[in-house]
Amino acid sequence: MEKPIVALIYDFDKTLATNDMQAFSFIPNLGMTEKEFWGETAEFSDRTGTESVLAYLHTMIKECQERGIPLTKTYLNSLGKDVKFYEGVTTWFKRINEYADSIGIKVEHYIISSGNKEIIEGSSIAKEFKAVYGCEFLYNRFGVAYYPKNIINYTLKTQYLWRISKGVKDVTDDKSVNSRVVDKHVEFRNMIYLGDGLTDIPCMTVVKEKGGKAIAVYQPNKKDVVEKLLDDNRVNYVCKSDFRANSTMEKLVKLILDSISITEKLLEKENNANV
């Protein structure tokens, strides 16, 4: 019998990475500060009524054009190498995979981010993920970005939970993701969602309400940002952004995996008894 699959699903910015992915080199390469870049994005959004994720993608294109920086996929991929992660992240996946295997389950890792998929794909941990869902650009015949190809805002993130559950990786396949599936690739009860705050509430709520586990990740000395999520019953747990071996995060996720493993074994025995 195949091992039950558990989906560990992550936001990226300030969940695994220590800051917004654009902050490490994209914004500095423009000669701007983070405050200037996000301020211009907010001003454009307010002035034009443009949705906030579309607004930041527009600002990326505009600022690169004005400075003569070719906004190519290769350029964006190259920025991924500068992304810095919380302690333990780079070895996290191997440790969790090995532990899951030892208790009879299989873990698949996924990213659902409102950030740039191209930057994530250039990062040192990109190879660890079964799929990366993020915002993408369309590129002209010269390979330069000119329009958004795909956007993922805070509410749109939730559709990717169903794509993961049903094993529908093609983001243009709306028929399969909306079809009724009896044998799901991953049951919602076997999902663990890690996010850093308000932008992850829709995904956290869906996962929690459907029997999975939602963990709000907080930066050192910023626990108050996520404690309200726990008080409002939006998440199951809050945990510091420390992914090192024997950290509270590792112990918590391993306990959840233990629980899933036991539940799946009991369900298997029940099903066999009813045959």
Protein backbone atom coordinates (compact mmCIF):
# COMPACT_ATOMS: atom_id res chain seq x y z
CA MET A 1 0.00 0.00 0.00
CA GLU A 2 1.22 3.49 -0.85
CA LYS A 3 2.11 5.76 2.04
CA PRO A 4 -0.43 8.47 2.94
CA ILE A 5 0.66 11.87 1.63
CA VAL A 6 0.94 14.92 3.88
CA ALA A 7 1.16 18.36 2.29
CA LEU A 8 3.29 20.91 4.12
CA ILE A 9 2.24 24.21 2.57
CA TYR A 10 4.15 27.43 3.12
CA ASP A 11 3.84 31.10 2.47
CA PHE A 12 7.31 32.38 1.51
CA ASP A 13 8.02 35.96 2.60
CA LYS A 14 8.59 36.20 6.37
CA THR A 15 7.51 32.58 6.77
CA LEU A 16 10.63 30.93 5.34
CA ALA A 17 12.49 34.02 4.09
CA THR A 18 13.43 36.70 6.61
CA ASN A 19 11.93 39.54 4.54
CA ASP A 20 9.98 40.21 1.37
CA MET A 21 11.83 38.53 -1.50
CA GLN A 22 12.09 41.80 -3.44
CA ALA A 23 13.92 43.43 -0.52
CA PHE A 24 17.12 41.40 -0.80
CA SER A 25 18.35 42.62 -4.18
CA PHE A 26 15.53 43.65 -6.54
CA ILE A 27 14.67 46.88 -4.73
CA PRO A 28 18.32 47.80 -3.90
CA ASN A 29 19.22 47.26 -7.58
CA LEU A 30 16.66 49.97 -8.43
CA GLY A 31 18.44 52.36 -6.09
CA MET A 32 15.30 52.55 -3.97
CA THR A 33 14.52 51.83 -0.35
CA GLU A 34 11.79 49.39 0.63
CA LYS A 35 9.73 52.32 1.91
CA GLU A 36 10.03 54.10 -1.45
CA PHE A 37 9.14 51.05 -3.53
CA TRP A 38 6.14 49.95 -1.47
CA GLY A 39 5.08 53.58 -1.03
CA GLU A 40 4.98 54.07 -4.81
CA THR A 41 3.06 50.80 -5.15
CA ALA A 42 0.48 51.90 -2.58
CA GLU A 43 0.14 55.35 -4.20
CA PHE A 44 -0.48 53.77 -7.62
CA SER A 45 -3.02 51.35 -6.12
CA ASP A 46 -4.90 54.14 -4.33
CA ARG A 47 -4.83 56.51 -7.31
CA THR A 48 -5.95 54.00 -9.93
CA GLY A 49 -7.98 51.53 -7.87
CA THR A 50 -5.64 48.73 -8.93
CA GLU A 51 -5.58 45.57 -6.82
CA SER A 52 -2.49 45.62 -4.57
CA VAL A 53 -0.70 42.59 -6.06
CA LEU A 54 -1.24 43.86 -9.61
CA ALA A 55 0.02 47.23 -8.40
CA TYR A 56 3.37 45.91 -7.16
CA LEU A 57 3.89 43.92 -10.38
CA HIS A 58 3.18 47.13 -12.34
CA THR A 59 5.71 49.01 -10.21
CA MET A 60 8.36 46.35 -10.85
CA ILE A 61 7.88 46.68 -14.62
CA LYS A 62 7.74 50.50 -14.57
CA GLU A 63 10.81 51.01 -12.39
CA CYS A 64 12.91 48.56 -14.41
CA GLN A 65 11.88 50.24 -17.67
CA GLU A 66 12.79 53.70 -16.34
CA ARG A 67 16.22 52.49 -15.19
CA GLY A 68 17.03 50.40 -18.24
CA ILE A 69 17.08 47.14 -16.30
CA PRO A 70 15.84 44.24 -18.48
CA LEU A 71 13.19 42.53 -16.35
CA THR A 72 13.78 39.05 -17.72
CA LYS A 73 13.01 35.67 -16.21
CA THR A 74 16.76 35.00 -16.03
CA TYR A 75 17.28 38.24 -14.09
CA LEU A 76 14.50 37.42 -11.63
CA ASN A 77 15.81 33.87 -11.18
CA SER A 78 19.26 35.30 -10.41
CA LEU A 79 17.82 37.36 -7.55
CA GLY A 80 16.74 34.20 -5.77
CA LYS A 81 20.30 33.42 -4.70
CA ASP A 82 20.27 36.50 -2.46
CA VAL A 83 17.19 35.49 -0.47
CA LYS A 84 18.03 34.83 3.18
CA PHE A 85 16.13 32.28 5.23
CA TYR A 86 15.45 31.76 8.89
CA GLU A 87 17.82 29.51 10.78
CA GLY A 88 17.39 25.85 9.91
CA VAL A 89 15.27 26.33 6.79
CA THR A 90 17.86 24.98 4.34
CA THR A 91 18.10 21.64 6.19
CA TRP A 92 14.47 21.52 7.33
CA PHE A 93 13.06 19.63 4.37
CA LYS A 94 15.49 16.71 4.55
CA ARG A 95 14.92 16.30 8.28
CA ILE A 96 11.14 16.39 7.99
CA ASN A 97 11.11 14.04 4.99
CA GLU A 98 13.26 11.49 6.80
CA TYR A 99 11.11 11.64 9.92
CA ALA A 100 7.90 11.23 7.94
CA ASP A 101 9.34 8.24 6.14
CA SER A 102 10.27 6.64 9.48
CA ILE A 103 6.63 6.74 10.64
CA GLY A 104 5.11 5.48 7.41
CA ILE A 105 3.96 8.65 5.67
CA LYS A 106 5.23 10.78 2.78
CA VAL A 107 5.58 14.57 2.92
CA GLU A 108 5.27 16.86 -0.08
CA HIS A 109 6.24 20.52 0.28
CA TYR A 110 4.42 23.35 -1.53
CA ILE A 111 4.69 27.12 -1.77
CA ILE A 112 1.66 29.39 -2.20
CA SER A 113 2.97 32.96 -2.40
CA SER A 114 1.85 36.39 -3.56
CA GLY A 115 5.50 37.02 -4.39
CA ASN A 116 7.38 36.38 -7.62
CA LYS A 117 7.52 32.73 -8.63
CA GLU A 118 10.60 33.45 -10.73
CA ILE A 119 12.57 34.68 -7.70
CA ILE A 120 11.49 31.70 -5.59
CA GLU A 121 12.58 29.33 -8.37
CA GLY A 122 16.06 30.84 -8.24
CA SER A 123 16.42 30.39 -4.49
CA SER A 124 18.52 27.73 -2.81
CA ILE A 125 15.46 25.81 -1.55
CA ALA A 126 13.43 25.76 -4.79
CA LYS A 127 14.25 22.11 -5.46
CA GLU A 128 12.53 21.05 -2.24
CA PHE A 129 9.01 21.80 -3.47
CA LYS A 130 6.56 19.60 -5.32
CA ALA A 131 5.08 22.80 -6.77
CA VAL A 132 5.61 26.54 -6.40
CA TYR A 133 2.57 28.75 -6.90
CA GLY A 134 3.31 32.45 -7.19
CA CYS A 135 2.84 35.56 -9.35
CA GLU A 136 4.39 35.36 -12.82
CA PHE A 137 5.06 37.71 -15.72
CA LEU A 138 4.44 37.40 -19.43
CA TYR A 139 7.58 38.10 -21.49
CA ASN A 140 7.81 39.71 -24.92
CA ARG A 141 9.86 38.40 -27.87
CA PHE A 142 12.97 39.93 -26.30
CA GLY A 143 12.32 38.04 -23.07
CA VAL A 144 11.37 41.17 -21.10
CA ALA A 145 8.37 41.23 -18.76
CA TYR A 146 5.49 43.40 -19.95
CA TYR A 147 2.33 42.09 -18.27
CA PRO A 148 1.27 39.78 -15.40
CA LYS A 149 0.71 36.18 -16.47
CA ASN A 150 -0.66 35.00 -13.15
CA ILE A 151 -1.41 36.73 -9.88
CA ILE A 152 -2.08 35.26 -6.45
CA ASN A 153 -3.54 37.60 -3.89
CA TYR A 154 -4.55 36.72 -0.35
CA THR A 155 -7.98 35.31 -1.21
CA LEU A 156 -6.92 33.65 -4.47
CA LYS A 157 -4.38 31.66 -2.47
CA THR A 158 -7.16 29.35 -1.30
CA GLN A 159 -7.83 27.84 -4.74
CA TYR A 160 -4.37 26.31 -4.66
CA LEU A 161 -5.32 24.26 -1.61
CA TRP A 162 -7.85 22.46 -3.82
CA ARG A 163 -5.28 22.10 -6.59
CA ILE A 164 -2.93 20.43 -4.12
CA SER A 165 -5.71 18.26 -2.71
CA LYS A 166 -6.77 17.06 -6.18
CA GLY A 167 -3.27 16.88 -7.65
CA VAL A 168 -4.01 19.52 -10.31
CA LYS A 169 -0.69 21.31 -10.86
CA ASP A 170 -1.61 23.08 -14.12
CA VAL A 171 -2.84 26.55 -13.05
CA THR A 172 -4.82 26.90 -16.31
CA ASP A 173 -6.78 23.69 -15.66
CA ASP A 174 -9.98 25.01 -14.11
CA LYS A 175 -12.07 22.02 -15.16
CA SER A 176 -10.19 19.43 -13.11
CA VAL A 177 -9.85 21.60 -10.03
CA ASN A 178 -13.62 22.14 -9.96
CA SER A 179 -14.52 18.51 -10.66
CA ARG A 180 -15.62 16.17 -7.91
CA VAL A 181 -12.77 13.82 -6.99
CA VAL A 182 -13.31 10.77 -4.79
CA ASP A 183 -9.67 9.69 -4.39
CA LYS A 184 -7.84 12.88 -3.54
CA HIS A 185 -4.09 13.28 -3.88
CA VAL A 186 -3.97 14.85 -0.40
CA GLU A 187 -6.82 14.94 2.09
CA PHE A 188 -7.38 18.30 3.78
CA ARG A 189 -6.97 16.60 7.15
CA ASN A 190 -3.39 15.84 6.05
CA MET A 191 -2.48 19.45 5.26
CA ILE A 192 -0.28 21.66 7.43
CA TYR A 193 -0.22 25.34 6.49
CA LEU A 194 2.52 27.71 7.68
CA GLY A 195 2.06 31.46 7.24
CA ASP A 196 3.17 34.65 8.94
CA GLY A 197 0.04 36.71 9.42
CA LEU A 198 -3.03 38.48 8.08
CA THR A 199 -2.39 37.72 4.42
CA ASP A 200 -2.55 34.00 5.17
CA ILE A 201 -5.83 34.06 7.09
CA PRO A 202 -8.00 32.72 4.21
CA CYS A 203 -5.75 29.66 3.73
CA MET A 204 -5.30 29.12 7.45
CA THR A 205 -9.05 29.24 8.00
CA VAL A 206 -9.85 26.79 5.20
CA VAL A 207 -7.19 24.28 6.27
CA LYS A 208 -8.20 24.47 9.94
CA GLU A 209 -11.93 24.17 9.25
CA LYS A 210 -11.36 21.13 7.06
CA GLY A 211 -9.40 19.26 9.72
CA GLY A 212 -5.84 20.21 8.84
CA LYS A 213 -3.47 22.25 10.98
CA ALA A 214 -2.57 25.93 10.60
CA ILE A 215 0.57 27.37 12.18
CA ALA A 216 1.19 31.11 12.42
CA VAL A 217 4.93 31.79 12.21
CA TYR A 218 6.29 34.83 14.02
CA GLN A 219 9.62 36.63 13.95
CA PRO A 220 11.55 37.02 17.21
CA ASN A 221 9.97 39.68 19.44
CA LYS A 222 6.89 39.90 17.18
CA LYS A 223 4.66 37.27 18.74
CA ASP A 224 1.89 39.83 19.29
CA VAL A 225 1.36 40.02 15.52
CA VAL A 226 0.08 36.43 15.39
CA GLU A 227 -1.37 35.92 18.86
CA LYS A 228 -4.64 37.53 17.78
CA LEU A 229 -4.95 34.83 15.11
CA LEU A 230 -4.86 32.24 17.88
CA ASP A 231 -7.29 34.22 20.05
CA ASP A 232 -9.68 34.52 17.09
CA ASN A 233 -9.46 30.76 16.44
CA ARG A 234 -7.95 31.29 12.97
CA VAL A 235 -4.97 28.99 13.62
CA ASN A 236 -4.17 25.93 15.70
CA TYR A 237 -0.73 27.09 16.86
CA VAL A 238 1.72 29.98 16.85
CA CYS A 239 5.44 29.25 16.63
CA LYS A 240 8.69 31.20 16.37
CA SER A 241 10.45 31.26 13.00
CA ASP A 242 13.21 28.86 14.06
CA PHE A 243 13.47 25.78 11.86
CA ARG A 244 16.60 24.28 13.39
CA ALA A 245 16.84 20.69 14.60
CA ASN A 246 15.06 20.20 17.94
CA SER A 247 13.45 23.64 17.70
CA THR A 248 9.88 24.12 18.90
CA MET A 249 8.80 24.29 15.24
CA GLU A 250 10.38 20.93 14.43
CA LYS A 251 8.92 19.28 17.54
CA LEU A 252 5.46 20.68 16.77
CA VAL A 253 5.44 19.55 13.14
CA LYS A 254 6.72 16.11 14.12
CA LEU A 255 3.90 15.77 16.67
CA ILE A 256 1.37 16.68 13.98
CA LEU A 257 2.94 14.12 11.65
CA ASP A 258 2.72 11.52 14.44
CA SER A 259 -0.97 12.27 14.83
CA ILE A 260 -1.59 11.99 11.09
CA SER A 261 0.32 8.70 10.92
CA ILE A 262 -1.73 7.18 13.74
CA THR A 263 -5.03 8.42 12.25
CA GLU A 264 -4.21 7.00 8.83
CA LYS A 265 -3.26 3.62 10.31
CA LEU A 266 -6.54 3.48 12.25
CA LEU A 267 -8.53 4.39 9.15
CA GLU A 268 -6.75 1.65 7.21
CA LYS A 269 -7.65 -0.92 9.89
CA GLU A 270 -11.29 0.24 9.88
CA ASN A 271 -11.47 -0.02 6.09
CA ASN A 272 -9.93 -3.50 6.09
CA ALA A 273 -12.35 -4.62 8.81
CA ASN A 274 -15.31 -3.53 6.67
CA VAL A 275 -14.18 -5.35 3.55
